[in-house]
C-alpha atoms as a PDB file:
ATOM      1  CA  MET A   1     143.306 123.516  87.171  1.00  0.00           C
ATOM      2  CA  ASP A   2     143.639 119.859  86.239  1.00  0.00           C
ATOM      3  CA  LYS A   3     141.934 118.738  89.383  1.00  0.00           C
ATOM      4  CA  PHE A   4     138.660 120.182  88.105  1.00  0.00           C
ATOM      5  CA  HIS A   5     138.733 117.911  85.063  1.00  0.00           C
ATOM      6  CA  PHE A   6     137.536 114.554  86.350  1.00  0.00           C
ATOM      7  CA  PRO A   7     136.454 111.540  84.290  1.00  0.00           C
ATOM      8  CA  SER A   8     132.861 111.591  83.098  1.00  0.00           C
ATOM      9  CA  SER A   9     131.967 108.503  85.149  1.00  0.00           C
ATOM     10  CA  SER A  10     133.300 110.079  88.350  1.00  0.00           C
ATOM     11  CA  TYR A  11     131.543 113.329  87.522  1.00  0.00           C
ATOM     12  CA  ALA A  12     128.238 111.499  87.050  1.00  0.00           C
ATOM     13  CA  THR A  13     128.705 109.655  90.332  1.00  0.00           C
ATOM     14  CA  CYS A  14     129.503 112.928  92.095  1.00  0.00           C
ATOM     15  CA  ILE A  15     126.418 114.659  90.740  1.00  0.00           C
ATOM     16  CA  SER A  16     124.173 111.686  91.599  1.00  0.00           C
ATOM     17  CA  LEU A  17     125.354 111.558  95.190  1.00  0.00           C
ATOM     18  CA  MET A  18     125.042 115.317  95.590  1.00  0.00           C
ATOM     19  CA  VAL A  19     121.455 115.128  94.367  1.00  0.00           C
ATOM     20  CA  LEU A  20     120.818 112.265  96.799  1.00  0.00           C
ATOM     21  CA  LEU A  21     122.143 114.249  99.747  1.00  0.00           C
ATOM     22  CA  VAL A  22     120.420 117.510  98.872  1.00  0.00           C
ATOM     23  CA  CYS A  23     117.077 116.219  97.647  1.00  0.00           C
ATOM     24  CA  ARG A  24     116.405 113.208  99.891  1.00  0.00           C
ATOM     25  CA  GLY A  25     113.999 115.109 102.102  1.00  0.00           C
ATOM     26  CA  ALA A  26     112.334 117.070  99.274  1.00  0.00           C
ATOM     27  CA  SER A  27     110.903 114.194  97.255  1.00  0.00           C
ATOM     28  CA  GLY A  28     107.876 113.359  99.374  1.00  0.00           C
ATOM     29  CA  ALA A  29     107.188 110.080 101.113  1.00  0.00           C
ATOM     30  CA  THR A  30     106.167 106.623  99.975  1.00  0.00           C
ATOM     31  CA  PHE A  31     103.321 105.077 101.973  1.00  0.00           C
ATOM     32  CA  THR A  32     103.175 101.285 101.733  1.00  0.00           C
ATOM     33  CA  LEU A  33      99.901  99.836 102.990  1.00  0.00           C
ATOM     34  CA  ILE A  34      99.996  96.159 103.975  1.00  0.00           C
ATOM     35  CA  ASN A  35      97.040  93.940 104.838  1.00  0.00           C
ATOM     36  CA  ARG A  36      97.907  91.211 107.344  1.00  0.00           C
ATOM     37  CA  CYS A  37      94.269  90.661 108.290  1.00  0.00           C
ATOM     38  CA  GLU A  38      92.648  87.365 107.375  1.00  0.00           C
ATOM     39  CA  PHE A  39      90.094  89.241 105.270  1.00  0.00           C
ATOM     40  CA  THR A  40      90.039  91.914 102.586  1.00  0.00           C
ATOM     41  CA  VAL A  41      90.500  95.514 103.695  1.00  0.00           C
ATOM     42  CA  TRP A  42      89.568  98.488 101.523  1.00  0.00           C
ATOM     43  CA  PRO A  43      91.961 101.313 102.516  1.00  0.00           C
ATOM     44  CA  GLY A  44      90.803 104.895 102.163  1.00  0.00           C
ATOM     45  CA  ALA A  45      92.992 107.991 101.804  1.00  0.00           C
ATOM     46  CA  LEU A  46      91.992 111.597 102.368  1.00  0.00           C
ATOM     47  CA  ALA A  47      94.203 114.630 101.734  1.00  0.00           C
ATOM     48  CA  ASN A  48      93.702 117.557 104.088  1.00  0.00           C
ATOM     49  CA  ALA A  49      92.571 120.928 102.762  1.00  0.00           C
ATOM     50  CA  GLY A  50      95.344 122.462 100.660  1.00  0.00           C
ATOM     51  CA  SER A  51      97.047 119.108  99.942  1.00  0.00           C
ATOM     52  CA  THR A  52      96.968 117.345  96.591  1.00  0.00           C
ATOM     53  CA  PRO A  53      94.999 114.051  96.601  1.00  0.00           C
ATOM     54  CA  LEU A  54      97.142 110.947  96.180  1.00  0.00           C
ATOM     55  CA  GLU A  55      96.983 108.827  93.026  1.00  0.00           C
ATOM     56  CA  SER A  56      94.290 106.692  94.665  1.00  0.00           C
ATOM     57  CA  THR A  57      91.790 107.608  97.377  1.00  0.00           C
ATOM     58  CA  GLY A  58      90.536 104.058  97.911  1.00  0.00           C
ATOM     59  CA  PHE A  59      91.261 100.547  96.728  1.00  0.00           C
ATOM     60  CA  SER A  60      90.915  96.872  97.580  1.00  0.00           C
ATOM     61  CA  LEU A  61      93.691  95.122  99.499  1.00  0.00           C
ATOM     62  CA  GLU A  62      93.322  91.376  99.801  1.00  0.00           C
ATOM     63  CA  SER A  63      94.849  89.481 102.702  1.00  0.00           C
ATOM     64  CA  GLY A  64      98.637  89.280 102.411  1.00  0.00           C
ATOM     65  CA  THR A  65      98.948  91.966  99.743  1.00  0.00           C
ATOM     66  CA  SER A  66     100.300  95.538  99.727  1.00  0.00           C
ATOM     67  CA  ARG A  67     100.219  98.709  97.684  1.00  0.00           C
ATOM     68  CA  ALA A  68     102.454 101.801  97.679  1.00  0.00           C
ATOM     69  CA  LEU A  69     101.368 105.416  97.196  1.00  0.00           C
ATOM     70  CA  ARG A  70     103.689 108.382  96.739  1.00  0.00           C
ATOM     71  CA  SER A  71     102.992 111.796  98.257  1.00  0.00           C
ATOM     72  CA  PRO A  72     104.232 115.228  97.136  1.00  0.00           C
ATOM     73  CA  SER A  73     107.104 116.780  99.081  1.00  0.00           C
ATOM     74  CA  SER A  74     104.601 118.718 101.215  1.00  0.00           C
ATOM     75  CA  TRP A  75     101.434 116.796 102.066  1.00  0.00           C
ATOM     76  CA  SER A  76      99.078 116.079 104.935  1.00  0.00           C
ATOM     77  CA  GLY A  77      96.247 113.613 105.200  1.00  0.00           C
ATOM     78  CA  ARG A  78      95.051 110.341 106.653  1.00  0.00           C
ATOM     79  CA  PHE A  79      94.633 106.655 105.880  1.00  0.00           C
ATOM     80  CA  TRP A  80      92.208 104.104 107.275  1.00  0.00           C
ATOM     81  CA  GLY A  81      90.836 100.647 106.539  1.00  0.00           C
ATOM     82  CA  ARG A  82      87.270  99.821 105.519  1.00  0.00           C
ATOM     83  CA  THR A  83      85.911  96.382 106.383  1.00  0.00           C
ATOM     84  CA  GLY A  84      82.914  94.275 105.395  1.00  0.00           C
ATOM     85  CA  CYS A  85      82.276  96.115 102.131  1.00  0.00           C
ATOM     86  CA  SER A  86      79.372  94.844 100.017  1.00  0.00           C
ATOM     87  CA  PHE A  87      78.857  95.250  96.296  1.00  0.00           C
ATOM     88  CA  ASP A  88      75.859  95.303  93.959  1.00  0.00           C
ATOM     89  CA  PRO A  89      75.882  91.903  92.215  1.00  0.00           C
ATOM     90  CA  ALA A  90      74.454  93.399  89.037  1.00  0.00           C
ATOM     91  CA  THR A  91      76.788  96.377  88.612  1.00  0.00           C
ATOM     92  CA  GLY A  92      79.732  95.450  90.820  1.00  0.00           C
ATOM     93  CA  GLN A  93      79.417  98.890  92.410  1.00  0.00           C
ATOM     94  CA  LEU A  94      80.343  99.249  96.076  1.00  0.00           C
ATOM     95  CA  VAL A  95      77.194  99.695  98.161  1.00  0.00           C
ATOM     96  CA  SER A  96      78.502 100.190 101.693  1.00  0.00           C
ATOM     97  CA  CYS A  97      81.102  99.036 104.207  1.00  0.00           C
ATOM     98  CA  LEU A  98      80.481  97.699 107.684  1.00  0.00           C
ATOM     99  CA  THR A  99      83.172  99.922 109.250  1.00  0.00           C
ATOM    100  CA  GLY A 100      85.170 102.906 107.996  1.00  0.00           C
ATOM    101  CA  ASP A 101      82.722 103.627 105.153  1.00  0.00           C
ATOM    102  CA  CYS A 102      83.386 106.869 103.249  1.00  0.00           C
ATOM    103  CA  ARG A 103      79.909 106.742 101.673  1.00  0.00           C
ATOM    104  CA  SER A 104      81.172 107.582  98.206  1.00  0.00           C
ATOM    105  CA  GLY A 105      79.328 104.667  96.625  1.00  0.00           C
ATOM    106  CA  GLN A 106      82.639 103.644  95.040  1.00  0.00           C
ATOM    107  CA  VAL A 107      85.872 101.937  96.001  1.00  0.00           C
ATOM    108  CA  GLU A 108      87.559 105.335  95.537  1.00  0.00           C
ATOM    109  CA  CYS A 109      86.565 107.721  98.338  1.00  0.00           C
ATOM    110  CA  ASN A 110      87.020 110.783  96.107  1.00  0.00           C
ATOM    111  CA  GLY A 111      87.545 113.316  98.870  1.00  0.00           C
ATOM    112  CA  ALA A 112      85.131 111.800 101.393  1.00  0.00           C
ATOM    113  CA  GLY A 113      86.317 110.957 104.895  1.00  0.00           C
ATOM    114  CA  ALA A 114      85.707 107.880 107.019  1.00  0.00           C
ATOM    115  CA  GLN A 115      82.569 107.423 109.060  1.00  0.00           C
ATOM    116  CA  PRO A 116      83.413 106.647 112.700  1.00  0.00           C
ATOM    117  CA  PRO A 117      84.229 104.496 114.493  1.00  0.00           C
ATOM    118  CA  VAL A 118      87.525 104.126 112.634  1.00  0.00           C
ATOM    119  CA  THR A 119      91.250 103.878 113.392  1.00  0.00           C
ATOM    120  CA  LEU A 120      93.155 106.650 111.601  1.00  0.00           C
ATOM    121  CA  ALA A 121      96.814 106.924 110.567  1.00  0.00           C
ATOM    122  CA  GLU A 122      97.541 110.646 110.181  1.00  0.00           C
ATOM    123  CA  PHE A 123     100.544 112.309 108.512  1.00  0.00           C
ATOM    124  CA  THR A 124     102.033 115.703 107.772  1.00  0.00           C
ATOM    125  CA  VAL A 125     104.970 115.348 105.377  1.00  0.00           C
ATOM    126  CA  GLY A 126     107.618 118.025 104.888  1.00  0.00           C
ATOM    127  CA  SER A 127     106.663 120.510 107.577  1.00  0.00           C
ATOM    128  CA  PRO A 128     109.388 123.182 107.986  1.00  0.00           C
ATOM    129  CA  SER A 129     111.502 122.623 111.108  1.00  0.00           C
ATOM    130  CA  SER A 130     112.107 125.315 113.675  1.00  0.00           C
ATOM    131  CA  SER A 131     115.585 126.847 113.487  1.00  0.00           C
ATOM    132  CA  SER A 132     115.573 127.671 117.195  1.00  0.00           C
ATOM    133  CA  GLY A 133     118.981 126.868 118.678  1.00  0.00           C
ATOM    134  CA  ALA A 134     120.615 126.513 115.252  1.00  0.00           C
ATOM    135  CA  GLY A 135     123.378 128.737 113.949  1.00  0.00           C
ATOM    136  CA  ALA A 136     122.557 131.767 111.856  1.00  0.00           C
ATOM    137  CA  GLY A 137     121.403 130.684 108.423  1.00  0.00           C
ATOM    138  CA  ALA A 138     121.374 127.002 109.413  1.00  0.00           C
ATOM    139  CA  ALA A 139     119.154 124.886 107.180  1.00  0.00           C
ATOM    140  CA  LEU A 140     117.320 122.216 109.118  1.00  0.00           C
ATOM    141  CA  PRO A 141     115.609 119.295 107.375  1.00  0.00           C
ATOM    142  CA  ASP A 142     111.834 119.389 107.143  1.00  0.00           C
ATOM    143  CA  ASN A 143     110.062 117.204 109.664  1.00  0.00           C
ATOM    144  CA  ASP A 144     107.265 114.718 109.145  1.00  0.00           C
ATOM    145  CA  TYR A 145     104.655 114.366 111.879  1.00  0.00           C
ATOM    146  CA  TYR A 146     102.595 111.211 112.242  1.00  0.00           C
ATOM    147  CA  ASP A 147     100.227 109.497 114.657  1.00  0.00           C
ATOM    148  CA  VAL A 148      97.623 106.775 114.987  1.00  0.00           C
ATOM    149  CA  SER A 149      94.366 108.162 116.334  1.00  0.00           C
ATOM    150  CA  LEU A 150      91.485 106.586 118.258  1.00  0.00           C
ATOM    151  CA  VAL A 151      89.747 109.955 118.662  1.00  0.00           C
ATOM    152  CA  ASP A 152      87.163 108.793 116.106  1.00  0.00           C
ATOM    153  CA  GLY A 153      86.992 105.317 117.645  1.00  0.00           C
ATOM    154  CA  TYR A 154      88.517 102.010 116.582  1.00  0.00           C
ATOM    155  CA  ASN A 155      87.798  99.482 113.851  1.00  0.00           C
ATOM    156  CA  LEU A 156      91.153  97.812 113.038  1.00  0.00           C
ATOM    157  CA  PRO A 157      94.572  97.346 114.637  1.00  0.00           C
ATOM    158  CA  VAL A 158      97.050  99.574 112.782  1.00  0.00           C
ATOM    159  CA  LEU A 159     100.831  99.907 112.971  1.00  0.00           C
ATOM    160  CA  VAL A 160     102.929 102.723 111.443  1.00  0.00           C
ATOM    161  CA  GLU A 161     106.662 102.153 110.893  1.00  0.00           C
ATOM    162  CA  THR A 162     109.332 104.323 109.300  1.00  0.00           C
ATOM    163  CA  SER A 163     112.231 103.489 106.992  1.00  0.00           C
ATOM    164  CA  GLY A 164     115.136 105.560 105.717  1.00  0.00           C
ATOM    165  CA  GLY A 165     114.529 108.602 107.898  1.00  0.00           C
ATOM    166  CA  SER A 166     116.581 110.529 110.422  1.00  0.00           C
ATOM    167  CA  GLY A 167     115.575 111.431 113.968  1.00  0.00           C
ATOM    168  CA  LEU A 168     113.861 109.235 116.530  1.00  0.00           C
ATOM    169  CA  CYS A 169     111.400 107.891 113.917  1.00  0.00           C
ATOM    170  CA  LEU A 170     109.614 105.618 116.399  1.00  0.00           C
ATOM    171  CA  SER A 171     106.918 103.157 115.410  1.00  0.00           C
ATOM    172  CA  THR A 172     103.415 103.853 116.664  1.00  0.00           C
ATOM    173  CA  GLY A 173      99.974 102.365 116.464  1.00  0.00           C
ATOM    174  CA  CYS A 174      97.297 100.332 118.157  1.00  0.00           C
ATOM    175  CA  VAL A 175      98.103  96.644 117.741  1.00  0.00           C
ATOM    176  CA  MET A 176      95.627  95.276 120.286  1.00  0.00           C
ATOM    177  CA  ASP A 177      92.093  94.161 119.420  1.00  0.00           C
ATOM    178  CA  MET A 178      90.117  96.997 120.984  1.00  0.00           C
ATOM    179  CA  SER A 179      86.806  95.467 119.976  1.00  0.00           C
ATOM    180  CA  ARG A 180      87.255  92.714 122.565  1.00  0.00           C
ATOM    181  CA  ALA A 181      87.784  95.231 125.372  1.00  0.00           C
ATOM    182  CA  CYS A 182      85.123  97.694 124.231  1.00  0.00           C
ATOM    183  CA  PRO A 183      82.503  98.574 126.890  1.00  0.00           C
ATOM    184  CA  ALA A 184      78.938  97.742 125.908  1.00  0.00           C
ATOM    185  CA  GLU A 185      77.954 101.411 125.797  1.00  0.00           C
ATOM    186  CA  LEU A 186      80.688 102.148 123.219  1.00  0.00           C
ATOM    187  CA  ARG A 187      80.220  99.096 121.016  1.00  0.00           C
ATOM    188  CA  ASP A 188      78.819  99.970 117.600  1.00  0.00           C
ATOM    189  CA  SER A 189      75.826  98.264 116.027  1.00  0.00           C
ATOM    190  CA  SER A 190      77.995  95.978 113.886  1.00  0.00           C
ATOM    191  CA  GLY A 191      79.769  94.605 116.964  1.00  0.00           C
ATOM    192  CA  GLU A 192      83.036  94.930 115.020  1.00  0.00           C
ATOM    193  CA  ALA A 193      84.140  98.388 116.164  1.00  0.00           C
ATOM    194  CA  CYS A 194      84.386 100.566 119.263  1.00  0.00           C
ATOM    195  CA  ARG A 195      83.022 104.116 119.318  1.00  0.00           C
ATOM    196  CA  SER A 196      84.643 107.037 121.074  1.00  0.00           C
ATOM    197  CA  ALA A 197      82.834 108.524 124.053  1.00  0.00           C
ATOM    198  CA  CYS A 198      82.271 111.666 121.977  1.00  0.00           C
ATOM    199  CA  GLU A 199      80.407 109.739 119.282  1.00  0.00           C
ATOM    200  CA  ALA A 200      78.529 107.578 121.767  1.00  0.00           C
ATOM    201  CA  PHE A 201      77.318 110.362 124.084  1.00  0.00           C
ATOM    202  CA  GLY A 202      77.886 113.618 122.202  1.00  0.00           C
ATOM    203  CA  SER A 203      78.734 115.501 125.402  1.00  0.00           C
ATOM    204  CA  PRO A 204      80.990 118.594 125.117  1.00  0.00           C
ATOM    205  CA  GLU A 205      83.318 117.291 127.816  1.00  0.00           C
ATOM    206  CA  TYR A 206      83.910 114.105 125.779  1.00  0.00           C
ATOM    207  CA  CYS A 207      84.141 115.966 122.443  1.00  0.00           C
ATOM    208  CA  CYS A 208      86.381 118.806 123.733  1.00  0.00           C
ATOM    209  CA  ALA A 209      83.795 121.273 122.412  1.00  0.00           C
ATOM    210  CA  GLY A 210      82.243 124.491 123.688  1.00  0.00           C
ATOM    211  CA  VAL A 211      83.665 125.502 127.059  1.00  0.00           C
ATOM    212  CA  TYR A 212      85.837 122.367 126.910  1.00  0.00           C
ATOM    213  CA  ALA A 213      87.575 123.349 123.660  1.00  0.00           C
ATOM    214  CA  SER A 214      91.053 123.802 125.140  1.00  0.00           C
ATOM    215  CA  PRO A 215      93.765 121.579 126.648  1.00  0.00           C
ATOM    216  CA  ASP A 216      93.208 123.165 130.060  1.00  0.00           C
ATOM    217  CA  SER A 217      89.491 122.432 130.188  1.00  0.00           C
ATOM    218  CA  CYS A 218      89.258 119.133 128.277  1.00  0.00           C
ATOM    219  CA  LYS A 219      90.791 116.314 130.280  1.00  0.00           C
ATOM    220  CA  PRO A 220      91.031 112.552 129.682  1.00  0.00           C
ATOM    221  CA  SER A 221      87.863 110.644 130.521  1.00  0.00           C
ATOM    222  CA  ALA A 222      87.596 107.149 131.954  1.00  0.00           C
ATOM    223  CA  TYR A 223      86.913 105.944 128.409  1.00  0.00           C
ATOM    224  CA  SER A 224      89.903 107.682 126.793  1.00  0.00           C
ATOM    225  CA  GLU A 225      92.129 106.452 129.623  1.00  0.00           C
ATOM    226  CA  MET A 226      90.990 102.902 128.865  1.00  0.00           C
ATOM    227  CA  PHE A 227      91.988 103.442 125.219  1.00  0.00           C
ATOM    228  CA  LYS A 228      95.347 104.780 126.400  1.00  0.00           C
ATOM    229  CA  VAL A 229      96.084 101.797 128.619  1.00  0.00           C
ATOM    230  CA  ILE A 230      95.397  99.368 125.783  1.00  0.00           C
ATOM    231  CA  CYS A 231      97.127 101.436 123.064  1.00  0.00           C
ATOM    232  CA  PRO A 232      99.531 103.796 124.885  1.00  0.00           C
ATOM    233  CA  ARG A 233     101.065 105.381 121.765  1.00  0.00           C
ATOM    234  CA  SER A 234      97.783 106.280 120.068  1.00  0.00           C
ATOM    235  CA  TYR A 235      95.724 109.435 120.398  1.00  0.00           C
ATOM    236  CA  SER A 236      92.989 108.694 122.928  1.00  0.00           C
ATOM    237  CA  TYR A 237      91.288 112.108 122.935  1.00  0.00           C
ATOM    238  CA  ALA A 238      91.648 115.446 121.124  1.00  0.00           C
ATOM    239  CA  TYR A 239      94.422 116.951 123.300  1.00  0.00           C
ATOM    240  CA  ASP A 240      96.553 113.853 123.722  1.00  0.00           C
ATOM    241  CA  ASP A 241      99.382 115.422 121.673  1.00  0.00           C
ATOM    242  CA  SER A 242     102.330 115.093 124.068  1.00  0.00           C
ATOM    243  CA  THR A 243     102.288 111.286 124.163  1.00  0.00           C
ATOM    244  CA  SER A 244     100.875 110.497 120.743  1.00  0.00           C
ATOM    245  CA  ILE A 245     102.522 112.491 117.955  1.00  0.00           C
ATOM    246  CA  PHE A 246     105.878 111.415 116.493  1.00  0.00           C
ATOM    247  CA  THR A 247     108.446 113.011 114.192  1.00  0.00           C
ATOM    248  CA  CYS A 248     110.905 111.890 111.547  1.00  0.00           C
ATOM    249  CA  SER A 249     112.701 113.528 108.624  1.00  0.00           C
ATOM    250  CA  GLY A 250     112.973 112.194 105.073  1.00  0.00           C
ATOM    251  CA  ALA A 251     111.313 108.852 105.828  1.00  0.00           C
ATOM    252  CA  ASP A 252     109.028 106.460 104.000  1.00  0.00           C
ATOM    253  CA  TYR A 253     106.183 104.847 105.933  1.00  0.00           C
ATOM    254  CA  THR A 254     104.626 101.409 106.221  1.00  0.00           C
ATOM    255  CA  ILE A 255     101.023 101.182 107.430  1.00  0.00           C
ATOM    256  CA  THR A 256     100.073  97.655 108.445  1.00  0.00           C
ATOM    257  CA  PHE A 257      96.524  96.535 109.119  1.00  0.00           C
ATOM    258  CA  CYS A 258      96.298  93.698 111.682  1.00  0.00           C
ATOM    259  CA  PRO A 259     100.027  93.517 112.588  1.00  0.00           C
ATOM    260  CA  SER A 260     101.040  90.561 114.743  1.00  0.00           C
ATOM    261  CA  LEU A 261     104.034  89.428 116.761  1.00  0.00           C
ATOM    262  CA  SER A 262     105.631  86.107 115.871  1.00  0.00           C
ATOM    263  CA  GLN A 263     106.383  83.699 118.676  1.00  0.00           C
ATOM    264  CA  SER A 264     110.138  84.275 118.294  1.00  0.00           C
ATOM    265  CA  GLN A 265     109.722  88.038 118.693  1.00  0.00           C
ATOM    266  CA  LYS A 266     107.360  88.079 121.674  1.00  0.00           C
ATOM    267  CA  PRO A 267     109.937  87.487 124.446  1.00  0.00           C
ATOM    268  CA  ALA A 268     112.251  90.257 123.168  1.00  0.00           C
ATOM    269  CA  VAL A 269     109.399  92.747 123.165  1.00  0.00           C
ATOM    270  CA  ALA A 270     108.038  91.579 126.502  1.00  0.00           C
ATOM    271  CA  ASN A 271     111.330  92.503 128.186  1.00  0.00           C
ATOM    272  CA  ASN A 272     110.769  96.149 127.286  1.00  0.00           C
ATOM    273  CA  ALA A 273     107.022  96.666 127.113  1.00  0.00           C
ATOM    274  CA  SER A 274     103.681  95.519 128.404  1.00  0.00           C
ATOM    275  CA  TRP A 275     101.352  95.081 125.465  1.00  0.00           C
ATOM    276  CA  GLY A 276      98.160  96.672 126.677  1.00  0.00           C
ATOM    277  CA  ALA A 277      95.750  95.557 129.330  1.00  0.00           C
ATOM    278  CA  GLU A 278      95.954  91.836 128.617  1.00  0.00           C
ATOM    279  CA  ASP A 279      99.751  91.678 128.968  1.00  0.00           C
ATOM    280  CA  SER A 280     100.239  94.209 131.707  1.00  0.00           C
ATOM    281  CA  GLY A 281      98.815  92.221 134.563  1.00  0.00           C
ATOM    282  CA  GLY A 282      96.263  94.959 135.119  1.00  0.00           C
ATOM    283  CA  SER A 283      98.905  97.543 135.940  1.00  0.00           C
ATOM    284  CA  GLY A 284      98.035  99.735 132.968  1.00  0.00           C
ATOM    285  CA  THR A 285     101.675 100.787 132.545  1.00  0.00           C
ATOM    286  CA  ASN A 286     103.997 100.552 129.586  1.00  0.00           C
ATOM    287  CA  PRO A 287     107.685 100.910 130.465  1.00  0.00           C
ATOM    288  CA  ALA A 288     108.712 101.013 126.791  1.00  0.00           C
ATOM    289  CA  TYR A 289     106.634 104.100 126.380  1.00  0.00           C
ATOM    290  CA  THR A 290     107.542 105.943 129.570  1.00  0.00           C
ATOM    291  CA  THR A 291     111.219 105.209 130.202  1.00  0.00           C
ATOM    292  CA  SER A 292     113.960 107.191 128.500  1.00  0.00           C
ATOM    293  CA  SER A 293     116.263 104.174 128.185  1.00  0.00           C
ATOM    294  CA  ASP A 294     113.958 102.602 125.626  1.00  0.00           C
ATOM    295  CA  LYS A 295     113.008 105.678 123.635  1.00  0.00           C
ATOM    296  CA  ARG A 296     115.461 104.988 120.816  1.00  0.00           C
ATOM    297  CA  ARG A 297     114.537 101.345 120.380  1.00  0.00           C
ATOM    298  CA  PRO A 298     112.071 100.528 117.599  1.00  0.00           C
ATOM    299  CA  TRP A 299     108.742  99.833 119.267  1.00  0.00           C
ATOM    300  CA  LEU A 300     108.077  96.773 117.092  1.00  0.00           C
ATOM    301  CA  PRO A 301     110.054  94.813 114.500  1.00  0.00           C
ATOM    302  CA  ASN A 302     109.477  95.726 110.865  1.00  0.00           C
ATOM    303  CA  PHE A 303     106.556  93.496 109.898  1.00  0.00           C
ATOM    304  CA  ALA A 304     106.783  94.587 106.276  1.00  0.00           C
ATOM    305  CA  THR A 305     110.189  93.008 105.774  1.00  0.00           C
ATOM    306  CA  GLY A 306     110.268  90.461 108.581  1.00  0.00           C
ATOM    307  CA  GLY A 307     113.335  92.194 110.004  1.00  0.00           C
ATOM    308  CA  ALA A 308     114.408  91.783 113.592  1.00  0.00           C
ATOM    309  CA  VAL A 309     114.864  94.589 116.080  1.00  0.00           C
ATOM    310  CA  ARG A 310     117.546  96.966 114.866  1.00  0.00           C
ATOM    311  CA  ASN A 311     120.668  97.516 116.959  1.00  0.00           C
ATOM    312  CA  LEU A 312     121.412 101.073 115.739  1.00  0.00           C
ATOM    313  CA  PRO A 313     119.164 104.070 116.386  1.00  0.00           C
ATOM    314  CA  ARG A 314     117.860 105.498 113.121  1.00  0.00           C
ATOM    315  CA  ASP A 315     119.426 108.925 113.661  1.00  0.00           C
ATOM    316  CA  LEU A 316     122.850 107.381 114.321  1.00  0.00           C
ATOM    317  CA  TYR A 317     122.517 105.148 111.259  1.00  0.00           C
ATOM    318  CA  SER A 318     121.567 108.159 109.104  1.00  0.00           C
ATOM    319  CA  SER A 319     124.494 110.181 110.461  1.00  0.00           C
ATOM    320  CA  LEU A 320     126.965 107.392 109.642  1.00  0.00           C
ATOM    321  CA  LEU A 321     125.498 107.083 106.147  1.00  0.00           C
ATOM    322  CA  PHE A 322     125.847 110.838 105.608  1.00  0.00           C
ATOM    323  CA  ILE A 323     129.483 110.794 106.782  1.00  0.00           C
ATOM    324  CA  PHE A 324     130.253 107.902 104.442  1.00  0.00           C
ATOM    325  CA  LEU A 325     128.667 109.614 101.433  1.00  0.00           C
ATOM    326  CA  HIS A 326     130.323 112.937 102.252  1.00  0.00           C
ATOM    327  CA  SER A 327     133.728 111.283 102.486  1.00  0.00           C
ATOM    328  CA  TYR A 328     133.139 109.521  99.190  1.00  0.00           C
ATOM    329  CA  LEU A 329     132.244 112.814  97.515  1.00  0.00           C
ATOM    330  CA  VAL A 330     135.479 114.376  98.768  1.00  0.00           C
ATOM    331  CA  LEU A 331     137.542 111.502  97.371  1.00  0.00           C
ATOM    332  CA  VAL A 332     135.794 111.367  94.019  1.00  0.00           C
ATOM    333  CA  CYS A 333     135.073 115.001  93.289  1.00  0.00           C
ATOM    334  CA  VAL A 334     138.092 116.868  94.628  1.00  0.00           C
END
């Protein structure tokens, strides 16, 4: 019986590590929003129906600054950046924004969504995983699903990266300046954003509406294919799921506005990917996106920390960490 009487310090360590292992995926996610643009961005956040709003639904983010928001363990919603916001000089009240405006009349969006055209970062945190293929009674970790969408158009380059999760946990986003490649018929009145074909023309075939409201009937258009060539990991139209949605488990997320590659990082990335139309030599292909050999490599370095490309896949790293902690628990607690 003596082996069940361990020192209080060891007991505390044991309990702490057990809580870490059991509760890591049940504590929600931290979203860190970083502004690397040369101008102020006013991020907006909108919780989907049935999800609790985050602590802030809109705020100011000056160039070079960041802010973190914590979600509940089960949450879904979206983030975006507003640009060119103007304020009443007498009251200091927000009047309107050039792009991404939520029309709340305040810095906080208070449950209002973004007006297109706008680049969206979309998340579902803590969605129950399918137990198909698992042993009877097997408990699988909840998955997060995330994407960067151009379905409502484009107003800012956006990058989403993961940290601390298990699974493939790939980075995604649209890092190219779509406004420079935007066809005249899609360019918005501000000249700073690019509309979707649905918003520009309102046709059911572009909006996947009416008789086109299914994956079988709504196909990519010439406009959505252009978006896809420039930003191959982003949603280009409503049914672009198979190449645009990503999964991870127990991760935190960094959302970077105006990410950029440093000169020292460009050659390493160029060996594995063509960065949109300007870097692809007109081929419109992206080997990093389509080849299986690259699927476990991070798509971009971690701009938030300045880290280089990681050598270990995230799922392997997480597995090794779990084995280490499990072994430690056995030594300390038994």
